[in-house]
Amino acid sequence: MADLFGTYDKRIKLTVSNTNIDAELTWFPVTVFLKDTFNYYTSQYPTAQNDTYVKSTTNLSANYVAHYATDPTKSLTGSYYENSWMAKMDTVTNQRFHIDLGSAKIIKRIYYENAISDGNAPEFGVKNFTFWGSNTAGSFAELTYGTDTGWTQITTAQSTFDIHSSADEADPKYITVTNTTAYRYYALKFADNYESPFIMGVRRIELQTGEQSGVFAEFDDDTDFDRVAFTTSDGSTQLYADCELFDDSESKAIYHVSKTGWAISDTGTTDFYMYYDNTAGHNTTYISKSGGTAAQSVWDTNFKAVYHMADGASTSAIYDSTSNNNDGTKSAANQPIEVAGKVGKAQSFDGTDDYIDVADSTDFSFGNGTTNTAHTINVISKITNVTTTTQALISKDDYSSKREWVFGIYTASKLKGFIKGDLDGSTQFGRETDAVLANATYKSYAMRFDGVGSPLGIDLLINGVVSDTTDSGTDTEQTAENGASPLRIGSTADDDRYLAGEVAEVRISSTNRSNAWLKATYNSLYDTLLTYGAEEEGAAVNAIFFGCNF
């Protein structure tokens, strides 16, 4: 099958690594972030994951060797056992960490996940460091901390590794590197840790090469958003795209891309392409702004509402990107107000009287009084003060006679989701997190209901990781009700429990989304799922006619 270079003159390859894909995902929406010029980075790994190519001054034991931290197949969650490098017990200063890439490469960025084990002991993480390059094998082999013979120090954007979040979750961090020299060997010299007197170590280190691509040099104005095409790996079969944002003047864009039948692999990388050309026609069949016909095809039939949280045609509304047209109306113009968010735009709620109403629909009910219906609610939010109790992220509850469910903060600093077994709220079942939340930090919060009408039927996830452990309410099997309360973002329908913070994305599905789906969603929206390839140009096509009469 031919590619689309006959219609478009440039393309880039986008790759979904299976590192963050725990099961094959079909009709999964992948988020593409563009900027100009944007850097695209590629992780470079040692020739083999063993102590020949990855070395450290000391190891805690054979279960915590250096190459466990450079191996992308190792888990970023759960125990650090055989998933991390740890220095010798009671050694918390002056450790070298050496990587042999097999050939000389120009490293432009360091990706890392600092030490963590089951959400505990982030203080084990390394802190102050310097970065070095060499092309001398003898220097690579020398692990004495103070010996820098044959090494050249390289400038980094910061001189510390950030401490890991206190949660059992991936916490990717990146440090850009100022470097124009290709080195085969690289060294990180770790001076100390985050105050643990016992152990220092790190969960993941990947060295990355980088290049730049000028996608927006091809566009003239904002109307060029659909002079693009996304295809599967064959370069021809087109995918649908929901264009959430396209700002030519600021050189940034966000597309959500998918189609029925398209699968993201958990056993290998998944490649797809973005073609672009400012002389191409408007690709209205496959590309539209959020809510348009093409954009609606990105979202599978289980999605009942998707809100990217930008203002609609006025400052009083937001739009649903699915075909269900569950659009939202604000409490008043600019209440909440649009701001720059974690993903494109967000709505900022003042904690006093801001909310967004969506008309009552069975799309949002978890049951009908007789049978339950599985649902998943996913909210990307930054809560200003988590110590303030009873803040609703999203709800379908008037706290009177139309009570269905609430998802938000109901115990100080903890996330809670609960479902009512009666419309008057006399019975309920729910879950809450044991771990406290962080102030003013964007997180992906999800409440998942599998249809079992007890606390066992509810899961709460933070950044794609199941985080709930405490049941609340009755353990007796309950059936969720279908009331007439509107769906409300930022409060409950009795004008109470107002949220103080920002909401950047809301997705509601009438299915029990898997752990793999929610983890991939988190990584996709946080732009840690994709790598962006180099710009490619199609061969020019010239037609020459000899001796023809027209």
Protein backbone atom coordinates (compact mmCIF):
# COMPACT_ATOMS: atom_id res chain seq x y z
CA MET A 1 0.00 0.00 0.00
CA ALA A 2 1.43 3.40 -1.01
CA ASP A 3 2.22 6.07 1.57
CA LEU A 4 0.72 9.59 1.57
CA PHE A 5 3.79 11.43 0.25
CA GLY A 6 1.89 12.13 -2.93
CA THR A 7 -0.42 14.40 -0.93
CA TYR A 8 1.92 15.63 1.81
CA ASP A 9 5.59 16.49 1.50
CA LYS A 10 6.72 15.85 5.09
CA ARG A 11 6.08 13.44 7.92
CA ILE A 12 7.37 12.36 11.30
CA LYS A 13 7.16 8.91 12.85
CA LEU A 14 5.60 8.62 16.28
CA THR A 15 6.30 5.56 18.40
CA VAL A 16 4.43 4.18 21.38
CA SER A 17 6.86 2.20 23.52
CA ASN A 18 5.42 -0.89 25.15
CA THR A 19 7.26 0.10 28.37
CA ASN A 20 4.09 1.79 29.65
CA ILE A 21 1.62 -0.56 27.94
CA ASP A 22 0.70 -3.48 30.19
CA ALA A 23 -1.87 -5.10 27.86
CA GLU A 24 -2.89 -4.66 24.25
CA LEU A 25 -5.26 -1.69 23.94
CA THR A 26 -7.72 -1.38 21.07
CA TRP A 27 -9.28 1.91 19.93
CA PHE A 28 -7.12 3.68 22.51
CA PRO A 29 -6.78 7.48 22.12
CA VAL A 30 -3.12 8.50 21.90
CA THR A 31 -2.35 12.15 22.61
CA VAL A 32 0.17 13.90 20.34
CA PHE A 33 1.83 17.12 21.54
CA LEU A 34 3.48 19.34 18.93
CA LYS A 35 5.61 22.44 19.28
CA ASP A 36 8.14 24.23 17.10
CA THR A 37 10.87 23.55 17.31
CA PHE A 38 10.21 20.52 19.44
CA ASN A 39 12.87 18.20 20.72
CA TYR A 40 12.36 14.52 20.27
CA TYR A 41 14.41 12.19 22.38
CA THR A 42 15.40 8.57 21.98
CA SER A 43 16.62 6.44 24.87
CA GLN A 44 20.00 4.83 24.29
CA TYR A 45 20.72 1.62 26.17
CA PRO A 46 23.91 -0.27 26.99
CA THR A 47 24.80 -3.07 24.58
CA ALA A 48 23.63 -5.59 27.18
CA GLN A 49 22.07 -5.23 30.60
CA ASN A 50 24.88 -6.70 32.69
CA ASP A 51 27.83 -5.58 34.80
CA THR A 52 30.13 -5.51 31.80
CA TYR A 53 28.29 -2.48 30.40
CA VAL A 54 26.83 -0.90 33.55
CA LYS A 55 28.96 -0.43 36.66
CA SER A 56 28.76 1.26 40.04
CA THR A 57 31.21 1.86 42.86
CA THR A 58 29.23 -0.44 45.17
CA ASN A 59 26.04 -2.52 45.16
CA LEU A 60 23.81 -3.44 48.07
CA SER A 61 23.73 -7.05 46.81
CA ALA A 62 23.28 -9.08 43.63
CA ASN A 63 19.61 -8.09 43.78
CA TYR A 64 20.35 -4.37 43.45
CA VAL A 65 23.03 -4.16 40.76
CA ALA A 66 23.54 -1.12 38.55
CA HIS A 67 22.11 -2.57 35.35
CA TYR A 68 18.72 -3.11 37.00
CA ALA A 69 18.36 0.69 36.87
CA THR A 70 19.09 0.91 33.13
CA ASP A 71 16.89 -2.01 32.08
CA PRO A 72 13.58 -0.72 30.58
CA THR A 73 11.88 -4.06 31.20
CA LYS A 74 12.08 -3.57 34.96
CA SER A 75 8.98 -2.34 36.78
CA LEU A 76 8.72 1.25 37.96
CA THR A 77 6.18 0.35 40.62
CA GLY A 78 6.05 -2.15 43.44
CA SER A 79 9.10 -3.34 45.34
CA TYR A 80 12.57 -2.07 44.47
CA TYR A 81 13.86 -5.66 44.79
CA GLU A 82 15.60 -6.53 41.48
CA ASN A 83 14.16 -3.32 39.99
CA SER A 84 16.70 -0.74 41.22
CA TRP A 85 20.33 0.02 41.87
CA MET A 86 21.21 0.48 45.53
CA ALA A 87 24.65 1.21 46.93
CA LYS A 88 26.23 -0.79 49.73
CA MET A 89 24.44 -0.62 53.09
CA ASP A 90 25.44 2.45 55.14
CA THR A 91 27.09 3.97 52.06
CA VAL A 92 25.16 7.15 51.27
CA THR A 93 27.78 9.35 49.61
CA ASN A 94 30.28 9.37 46.73
CA GLN A 95 29.10 6.71 44.30
CA ARG A 96 29.96 6.46 40.60
CA PHE A 97 27.49 5.03 38.09
CA HIS A 98 28.98 4.19 34.65
CA ILE A 99 27.18 3.30 31.40
CA ASP A 100 28.76 1.92 28.22
CA LEU A 101 26.50 2.69 25.23
CA GLY A 102 28.56 0.49 22.88
CA SER A 103 29.33 3.37 20.51
CA ALA A 104 29.78 7.11 20.78
CA LYS A 105 26.52 9.08 21.06
CA ILE A 106 25.66 12.69 21.86
CA ILE A 107 23.46 12.60 24.95
CA LYS A 108 20.99 15.47 25.26
CA ARG A 109 18.75 14.43 28.15
CA ILE A 110 18.66 12.20 31.23
CA TYR A 111 15.40 10.45 32.06
CA TYR A 112 15.21 9.11 35.60
CA GLU A 113 12.92 7.73 38.28
CA ASN A 114 14.43 8.18 41.71
CA ALA A 115 14.37 5.50 44.41
CA ILE A 116 10.99 4.23 45.62
CA SER A 117 9.63 0.91 46.89
CA ASP A 118 5.89 0.26 47.08
CA GLY A 119 5.41 4.01 47.52
CA ASN A 120 7.84 4.14 50.46
CA ALA A 121 11.40 5.27 51.22
CA PRO A 122 11.85 8.10 48.68
CA GLU A 123 14.57 9.42 51.01
CA PHE A 124 16.83 6.62 49.68
CA GLY A 125 16.96 8.50 46.37
CA VAL A 126 20.17 10.06 45.09
CA LYS A 127 20.37 13.84 45.24
CA ASN A 128 23.39 15.93 44.13
CA PHE A 129 25.24 14.71 41.05
CA THR A 130 27.57 15.62 38.19
CA PHE A 131 27.58 14.19 34.65
CA TRP A 132 30.64 13.15 32.65
CA GLY A 133 31.60 11.71 29.26
CA SER A 134 34.59 9.71 28.03
CA ASN A 135 35.83 7.66 25.11
CA THR A 136 38.48 5.83 27.16
CA ALA A 137 37.76 2.24 28.23
CA GLY A 138 40.18 2.47 31.16
CA SER A 139 38.29 5.45 32.55
CA PHE A 140 35.03 3.52 32.31
CA ALA A 141 36.54 0.67 34.31
CA GLU A 142 37.86 2.92 37.12
CA LEU A 143 35.19 3.35 39.79
CA THR A 144 37.06 5.34 42.43
CA TYR A 145 34.84 8.33 43.15
CA GLY A 146 37.56 10.99 43.10
CA THR A 147 39.35 9.73 39.98
CA ASP A 148 38.21 11.65 36.88
CA THR A 149 41.14 10.89 34.57
CA GLY A 150 39.92 10.63 30.98
CA TRP A 151 36.51 12.11 31.79
CA THR A 152 35.04 15.46 30.67
CA GLN A 153 32.36 17.07 32.82
CA ILE A 154 29.15 17.91 30.95
CA THR A 155 26.76 20.74 31.82
CA THR A 156 23.27 19.78 32.98
CA ALA A 157 20.17 21.94 33.51
CA GLN A 158 20.16 21.01 37.20
CA SER A 159 22.62 19.38 39.55
CA THR A 160 20.16 17.33 41.59
CA PHE A 161 17.85 14.39 41.02
CA ASP A 162 14.41 15.28 42.39
CA ILE A 163 13.01 13.11 45.14
CA HIS A 164 10.36 10.58 44.02
CA SER A 165 6.73 11.19 44.91
CA SER A 166 5.58 9.33 48.04
CA ALA A 167 3.35 6.97 46.08
CA ASP A 168 3.58 3.63 44.30
CA GLU A 169 3.58 5.19 40.87
CA ALA A 170 5.84 6.13 38.00
CA ASP A 171 7.30 9.59 38.55
CA PRO A 172 9.30 10.39 35.41
CA LYS A 173 11.74 13.29 35.57
CA TYR A 174 14.02 14.74 32.91
CA ILE A 175 17.22 16.77 32.96
CA THR A 176 18.41 18.40 29.75
CA VAL A 177 22.09 18.21 28.91
CA THR A 178 24.24 20.77 27.07
CA ASN A 179 26.49 18.58 24.98
CA THR A 180 27.85 18.51 21.42
CA THR A 181 30.41 15.70 21.80
CA ALA A 182 29.73 12.03 21.16
CA TYR A 183 30.92 9.80 23.99
CA ARG A 184 30.70 6.05 24.32
CA TYR A 185 30.99 6.07 28.10
CA TYR A 186 28.99 8.21 30.50
CA ALA A 187 29.30 8.61 34.26
CA LEU A 188 26.98 9.99 36.91
CA LYS A 189 28.73 10.87 40.14
CA PHE A 190 26.23 10.83 43.00
CA ALA A 191 27.43 12.87 45.97
CA ASP A 192 24.66 12.06 48.45
CA ASN A 193 21.01 11.10 48.96
CA TYR A 194 17.86 12.57 50.50
CA GLU A 195 19.04 12.12 54.11
CA SER A 196 18.59 8.41 54.67
CA PRO A 197 21.50 7.18 56.81
CA PHE A 198 21.25 3.67 55.38
CA ILE A 199 20.92 3.41 51.60
CA MET A 200 21.21 5.46 48.42
CA GLY A 201 20.04 4.43 44.98
CA VAL A 202 17.91 5.08 41.93
CA ARG A 203 15.08 3.21 40.20
CA ARG A 204 15.69 4.09 36.53
CA ILE A 205 18.28 5.95 34.45
CA GLU A 206 18.06 6.28 30.67
CA LEU A 207 20.39 8.45 28.60
CA GLN A 208 18.71 10.03 25.59
CA THR A 209 19.87 11.48 22.30
CA GLY A 210 17.82 14.31 20.85
CA GLU A 211 17.10 16.21 17.68
CA GLN A 212 14.79 19.03 16.65
CA SER A 213 12.02 19.25 14.09
CA GLY A 214 10.26 22.37 12.85
CA VAL A 215 6.72 21.16 12.17
CA PHE A 216 5.15 24.60 12.47
CA ALA A 217 7.44 26.05 9.82
CA GLU A 218 5.09 24.25 7.42
CA PHE A 219 1.94 26.05 8.63
CA ASP A 220 0.72 29.59 7.94
CA ASP A 221 -2.14 30.10 10.40
CA ASP A 222 -4.60 28.34 12.69
CA THR A 223 -6.79 27.17 9.82
CA ASP A 224 -4.02 24.78 8.78
CA PHE A 225 -4.83 22.45 11.70
CA ASP A 226 -6.40 19.91 9.29
CA ARG A 227 -3.75 20.06 6.57
CA VAL A 228 -2.34 16.97 8.25
CA ALA A 229 -2.97 13.23 8.29
CA PHE A 230 -2.24 10.56 10.86
CA THR A 231 -1.74 7.02 9.60
CA THR A 232 -1.01 3.58 10.97
CA SER A 233 2.45 2.09 10.50
CA ASP A 234 1.72 1.33 6.84
CA GLY A 235 1.89 5.08 6.09
CA SER A 236 -1.46 5.02 4.31
CA THR A 237 -4.37 3.86 6.50
CA GLN A 238 -5.64 7.03 8.12
CA LEU A 239 -6.51 7.47 11.79
CA TYR A 240 -9.03 10.00 13.10
CA ALA A 241 -7.82 13.00 15.09
CA ASP A 242 -9.51 15.25 17.63
CA CYS A 243 -7.64 18.57 17.50
CA GLU A 244 -7.90 19.98 21.01
CA LEU A 245 -5.50 22.85 20.42
CA PHE A 246 -3.80 24.42 17.41
CA ASP A 247 -2.04 27.76 17.87
CA ASP A 248 0.21 28.65 14.97
CA SER A 249 1.41 31.91 16.58
CA GLU A 250 2.67 30.02 19.64
CA SER A 251 3.70 26.93 17.65
CA LYS A 252 1.84 24.35 19.69
CA ALA A 253 -0.86 21.81 19.04
CA ILE A 254 -2.55 18.84 20.70
CA TYR A 255 -4.23 16.02 18.79
CA HIS A 256 -5.93 12.90 20.21
CA VAL A 257 -5.60 10.11 17.65
CA SER A 258 -7.27 6.71 17.18
CA LYS A 259 -9.86 4.68 15.27
CA THR A 260 -11.84 1.50 15.68
CA GLY A 261 -9.66 -1.58 15.27
CA TRP A 262 -6.35 0.21 15.83
CA ALA A 263 -4.34 -1.61 18.53
CA ILE A 264 -1.49 -0.47 20.76
CA SER A 265 0.84 -3.40 21.43
CA ASP A 266 2.14 -4.47 24.81
CA THR A 267 4.79 -6.75 23.30
CA GLY A 268 6.53 -4.34 20.91
CA THR A 269 6.52 -0.75 19.78
CA THR A 270 3.56 0.71 17.88
CA ASP A 271 4.52 3.14 15.12
CA PHE A 272 2.28 5.64 13.36
CA TYR A 273 2.86 8.71 11.23
CA MET A 274 1.88 12.34 11.07
CA TYR A 275 1.98 13.85 7.56
CA TYR A 276 1.79 17.62 7.01
CA ASP A 277 1.91 20.10 4.16
CA ASN A 278 0.51 23.65 4.03
CA THR A 279 -0.44 23.20 0.37
CA ALA A 280 -2.47 20.05 1.01
CA GLY A 281 -6.24 20.19 1.11
CA HIS A 282 -8.18 20.35 4.37
CA ASN A 283 -8.48 16.77 5.60
CA THR A 284 -12.00 17.17 6.99
CA THR A 285 -12.82 13.47 6.74
CA TYR A 286 -10.24 12.48 9.34
CA ILE A 287 -9.34 15.69 11.22
CA SER A 288 -11.63 18.08 13.08
CA LYS A 289 -11.67 20.32 16.09
CA SER A 290 -13.00 18.78 19.32
CA GLY A 291 -16.66 17.82 18.98
CA GLY A 292 -16.55 17.66 15.17
CA THR A 293 -17.57 14.55 13.26
CA ALA A 294 -14.02 13.31 12.66
CA ALA A 295 -13.02 13.98 16.28
CA GLN A 296 -15.96 11.96 17.55
CA SER A 297 -14.57 8.87 15.80
CA VAL A 298 -11.49 8.97 18.04
CA TRP A 299 -13.54 7.98 21.09
CA ASP A 300 -14.92 4.46 21.41
CA THR A 301 -18.62 3.90 22.13
CA ASN A 302 -17.94 3.41 25.84
CA PHE A 303 -16.93 7.05 26.19
CA LYS A 304 -20.03 8.96 27.30
CA ALA A 305 -18.28 12.32 27.66
CA VAL A 306 -14.81 13.71 27.06
CA TYR A 307 -14.07 17.27 28.14
CA HIS A 308 -10.76 18.89 27.20
CA MET A 309 -11.88 21.82 29.40
CA ALA A 310 -11.33 24.65 26.93
CA ASP A 311 -14.04 27.28 26.60
CA GLY A 312 -16.58 26.64 23.87
CA ALA A 313 -17.99 29.36 21.62
CA SER A 314 -18.39 31.52 24.73
CA THR A 315 -16.81 31.75 28.16
CA SER A 316 -19.97 30.19 29.63
CA ALA A 317 -19.66 26.68 28.18
CA ILE A 318 -17.40 23.69 27.54
CA TYR A 319 -17.98 21.03 24.89
CA ASP A 320 -18.12 17.25 24.89
CA SER A 321 -15.82 15.72 22.25
CA THR A 322 -17.91 12.57 21.82
CA SER A 323 -21.00 12.10 19.65
CA ASN A 324 -23.16 12.17 22.80
CA ASN A 325 -23.07 15.99 22.90
CA ASN A 326 -23.10 16.13 26.69
CA ASP A 327 -21.95 19.75 26.69
CA GLY A 328 -21.46 21.70 29.92
CA THR A 329 -22.73 25.08 31.11
CA LYS A 330 -20.81 27.16 33.64
CA SER A 331 -22.37 28.76 36.70
CA ALA A 332 -21.74 32.11 34.95
CA ALA A 333 -19.42 33.55 32.31
CA ASN A 334 -15.82 32.85 33.33
CA GLN A 335 -17.00 30.94 36.41
CA PRO A 336 -14.82 28.89 36.30
CA ILE A 337 -12.32 30.71 34.09
CA GLU A 338 -10.17 29.18 31.34
CA VAL A 339 -6.43 29.01 32.09
CA ALA A 340 -3.41 27.18 30.70
CA GLY A 341 -3.54 23.61 32.00
CA LYS A 342 -1.54 20.43 32.27
CA VAL A 343 -3.00 19.30 28.96
CA GLY A 344 -3.95 22.25 26.75
CA LYS A 345 -6.46 24.44 28.55
CA ALA A 346 -8.02 23.99 31.98
CA GLN A 347 -10.82 25.53 34.01
CA SER A 348 -9.86 27.20 37.29
CA PHE A 349 -12.44 26.83 40.07
CA ASP A 350 -12.39 29.42 42.88
CA GLY A 351 -13.75 27.21 45.67
CA THR A 352 -16.65 29.58 46.30
CA ASP A 353 -19.32 29.39 43.59
CA ASP A 354 -17.78 27.98 40.40
CA TYR A 355 -19.13 24.84 38.76
CA ILE A 356 -20.05 23.31 35.41
CA ASP A 357 -23.44 21.65 34.91
CA VAL A 358 -24.20 18.92 32.39
CA ALA A 359 -27.85 17.95 31.89
CA ASP A 360 -29.02 14.76 33.57
CA SER A 361 -28.46 11.69 31.40
CA THR A 362 -28.51 7.94 31.92
CA ASP A 363 -24.99 8.07 30.43
CA PHE A 364 -23.78 9.11 33.87
CA SER A 365 -25.84 6.81 36.11
CA PHE A 366 -24.18 3.76 37.67
CA GLY A 367 -27.44 1.84 37.91
CA ASN A 368 -31.22 1.98 37.47
CA GLY A 369 -32.36 0.68 40.85
CA THR A 370 -32.38 -2.90 39.56
CA THR A 371 -29.00 -3.49 37.92
CA ASN A 372 -25.65 -1.78 38.12
CA THR A 373 -23.62 -0.46 35.18
CA ALA A 374 -19.82 -0.32 35.23
CA HIS A 375 -18.31 3.14 34.84
CA THR A 376 -14.92 4.86 34.95
CA ILE A 377 -14.41 8.54 35.81
CA ASN A 378 -10.99 10.05 35.02
CA VAL A 379 -10.11 13.62 36.03
CA ILE A 380 -6.82 15.48 35.53
CA SER A 381 -6.80 18.08 38.31
CA LYS A 382 -4.64 20.30 40.49
CA ILE A 383 -6.25 20.89 43.89
CA THR A 384 -5.14 24.10 45.59
CA ASN A 385 -5.49 22.93 49.19
CA VAL A 386 -6.12 19.25 49.82
CA THR A 387 -6.50 19.79 53.57
CA THR A 388 -9.86 21.45 52.95
CA THR A 389 -12.48 18.73 53.35
CA THR A 390 -15.41 17.90 51.07
CA GLN A 391 -14.35 19.16 47.67
CA ALA A 392 -16.14 17.47 44.78
CA LEU A 393 -14.12 16.93 41.63
CA ILE A 394 -17.22 15.63 39.89
CA SER A 395 -20.59 14.38 41.11
CA LYS A 396 -24.17 13.43 40.38
CA ASP A 397 -25.66 14.24 43.76
CA ASP A 398 -27.97 17.00 45.04
CA TYR A 399 -27.55 15.94 48.70
CA SER A 400 -31.32 15.68 49.00
CA SER A 401 -33.52 13.31 47.00
CA LYS A 402 -31.48 12.81 43.81
CA ARG A 403 -28.31 11.28 45.19
CA GLU A 404 -26.21 9.01 42.96
CA TRP A 405 -22.42 9.36 43.37
CA VAL A 406 -19.57 11.72 44.27
CA PHE A 407 -15.83 11.67 43.51
CA GLY A 408 -13.53 14.08 45.35
CA ILE A 409 -11.98 14.88 48.72
CA TYR A 410 -14.17 13.90 51.65
CA THR A 411 -11.59 13.16 54.32
CA ALA A 412 -8.91 15.80 54.74
CA SER A 413 -6.16 15.27 52.19
CA LYS A 414 -7.58 11.96 50.93
CA LEU A 415 -9.40 10.98 47.78
CA LYS A 416 -12.81 9.32 48.09
CA GLY A 417 -15.42 7.91 45.75
CA PHE A 418 -18.82 6.73 46.89
CA ILE A 419 -22.09 5.55 45.35
CA LYS A 420 -25.55 5.80 46.88
CA GLY A 421 -27.79 2.77 47.21
CA ASP A 422 -30.85 4.99 47.70
CA LEU A 423 -31.72 8.37 46.19
CA ASP A 424 -32.12 9.85 49.67
CA GLY A 425 -28.56 8.79 50.51
CA SER A 426 -29.56 6.51 53.39
CA THR A 427 -27.14 3.81 52.18
CA GLN A 428 -23.86 4.14 50.39
CA PHE A 429 -20.66 2.27 49.62
CA GLY A 430 -17.27 3.65 48.70
CA ARG A 431 -13.51 3.67 48.96
CA GLU A 432 -10.90 6.21 50.06
CA THR A 433 -7.13 6.42 49.77
CA ASP A 434 -4.88 5.89 52.76
CA ALA A 435 -2.14 8.09 51.31
CA VAL A 436 -2.64 11.83 51.52
CA LEU A 437 -2.67 13.99 48.39
CA ALA A 438 -0.29 16.82 47.54
CA ASN A 439 -1.26 20.49 47.33
CA ALA A 440 -1.23 22.28 43.98
CA THR A 441 0.12 19.31 42.03
CA TYR A 442 -1.49 18.03 38.84
CA LYS A 443 -2.54 14.41 39.19
CA SER A 444 -4.65 11.96 37.23
CA TYR A 445 -7.48 10.80 39.51
CA ALA A 446 -9.74 7.92 38.51
CA MET A 447 -12.77 6.25 40.11
CA ARG A 448 -13.66 2.88 38.64
CA PHE A 449 -16.85 0.93 39.36
CA ASP A 450 -17.07 -2.64 38.09
CA GLY A 451 -20.78 -3.06 38.84
CA VAL A 452 -20.41 -4.86 42.17
CA GLY A 453 -22.57 -2.86 44.58
CA SER A 454 -20.20 -2.79 47.55
CA PRO A 455 -16.83 -1.19 48.38
CA LEU A 456 -15.20 -4.13 46.63
CA GLY A 457 -16.65 -2.84 43.37
CA ILE A 458 -14.84 0.50 43.51
CA ASP A 459 -11.18 1.28 42.78
CA LEU A 460 -9.45 4.64 43.10
CA LEU A 461 -6.36 5.29 41.01
CA ILE A 462 -3.80 8.09 41.12
CA ASN A 463 -1.59 8.55 38.06
CA GLY A 464 -2.75 5.22 36.70
CA VAL A 465 -1.96 3.21 39.84
CA VAL A 466 -4.57 1.68 42.16
CA SER A 467 -4.25 3.62 45.42
CA ASP A 468 -7.30 2.82 47.56
CA THR A 469 -7.22 0.49 50.53
CA THR A 470 -9.95 1.67 52.93
CA ASP A 471 -13.62 0.75 52.56
CA SER A 472 -16.40 3.10 53.64
CA GLY A 473 -20.15 2.66 53.94
CA THR A 474 -22.05 -0.60 53.98
CA ASP A 475 -20.58 -3.91 52.86
CA THR A 476 -24.06 -5.15 51.96
CA GLU A 477 -24.65 -5.55 48.23
CA GLN A 478 -26.37 -2.42 46.89
CA THR A 479 -27.89 -1.36 43.60
CA ALA A 480 -27.05 2.13 42.36
CA GLU A 481 -29.96 4.43 41.55
CA ASN A 482 -30.81 6.67 38.60
CA GLY A 483 -31.89 10.10 39.80
CA ALA A 484 -32.51 13.39 38.04
CA SER A 485 -29.55 15.36 39.34
CA PRO A 486 -27.31 16.96 36.71
CA LEU A 487 -23.71 15.92 36.35
CA ARG A 488 -21.63 18.61 37.99
CA ILE A 489 -17.91 19.35 37.74
CA GLY A 490 -16.45 21.31 40.66
CA SER A 491 -19.21 20.91 43.27
CA THR A 492 -22.33 18.98 44.19
CA ALA A 493 -25.73 19.98 42.79
CA ASP A 494 -26.87 21.57 46.05
CA ASP A 495 -24.31 24.34 45.44
CA ASP A 496 -21.85 23.08 48.02
CA ARG A 497 -18.53 21.25 48.36
CA TYR A 498 -16.87 23.59 45.89
CA LEU A 499 -13.52 22.71 44.37
CA ALA A 500 -10.60 25.11 44.68
CA GLY A 501 -8.21 24.20 41.90
CA GLU A 502 -7.91 23.42 38.21
CA VAL A 503 -9.39 20.69 36.04
CA ALA A 504 -7.62 20.02 32.73
CA GLU A 505 -9.41 16.89 31.45
CA VAL A 506 -12.50 14.83 32.30
CA ARG A 507 -13.35 11.47 30.71
CA ILE A 508 -16.42 9.39 31.57
CA SER A 509 -16.83 5.83 30.30
CA SER A 510 -19.64 3.32 30.76
CA THR A 511 -17.20 0.46 31.24
CA ASN A 512 -14.68 -0.78 33.75
CA ARG A 513 -11.46 0.52 32.17
CA SER A 514 -8.52 -1.74 32.89
CA ASN A 515 -5.44 -0.84 34.91
CA ALA A 516 -3.48 -0.97 31.66
CA TRP A 517 -5.88 1.49 29.98
CA LEU A 518 -5.73 3.99 32.84
CA LYS A 519 -1.96 3.75 33.18
CA ALA A 520 -1.55 4.35 29.44
CA THR A 521 -4.02 7.27 29.60
CA TYR A 522 -1.97 8.89 32.34
CA ASN A 523 1.26 8.48 30.38
CA SER A 524 -0.37 9.67 27.16
CA LEU A 525 -1.79 12.85 28.70
CA TYR A 526 1.49 13.54 30.49
CA ASP A 527 3.38 13.08 27.19
CA THR A 528 5.49 10.18 28.45
CA LEU A 529 4.01 7.58 26.10
CA LEU A 530 5.40 8.75 22.74
CA THR A 531 8.75 9.34 21.15
CA TYR A 532 8.91 11.65 18.13
CA GLY A 533 11.01 10.74 15.14
CA ALA A 534 13.02 12.87 12.73
CA GLU A 535 11.32 14.82 9.97
CA GLU A 536 11.20 12.92 6.69
CA GLU A 537 10.60 14.41 3.24
CA GLY A 538 9.00 12.62 0.32
CA ALA A 539 10.78 12.32 -3.00
CA ALA A 540 9.83 15.01 -5.49
CA VAL A 541 7.62 13.81 -8.33
CA ASN A 542 8.37 15.30 -11.76
CA ALA A 543 6.36 14.53 -14.90
CA ILE A 544 8.10 15.03 -18.29
CA PHE A 545 6.15 14.52 -21.50
CA PHE A 546 7.80 13.90 -24.86
CA GLY A 547 6.06 14.19 -28.25
CA CYS A 548 2.54 14.38 -26.82
CA ASN A 549 -0.31 16.19 -28.56
CA PHE A 550 -3.07 17.63 -26.36
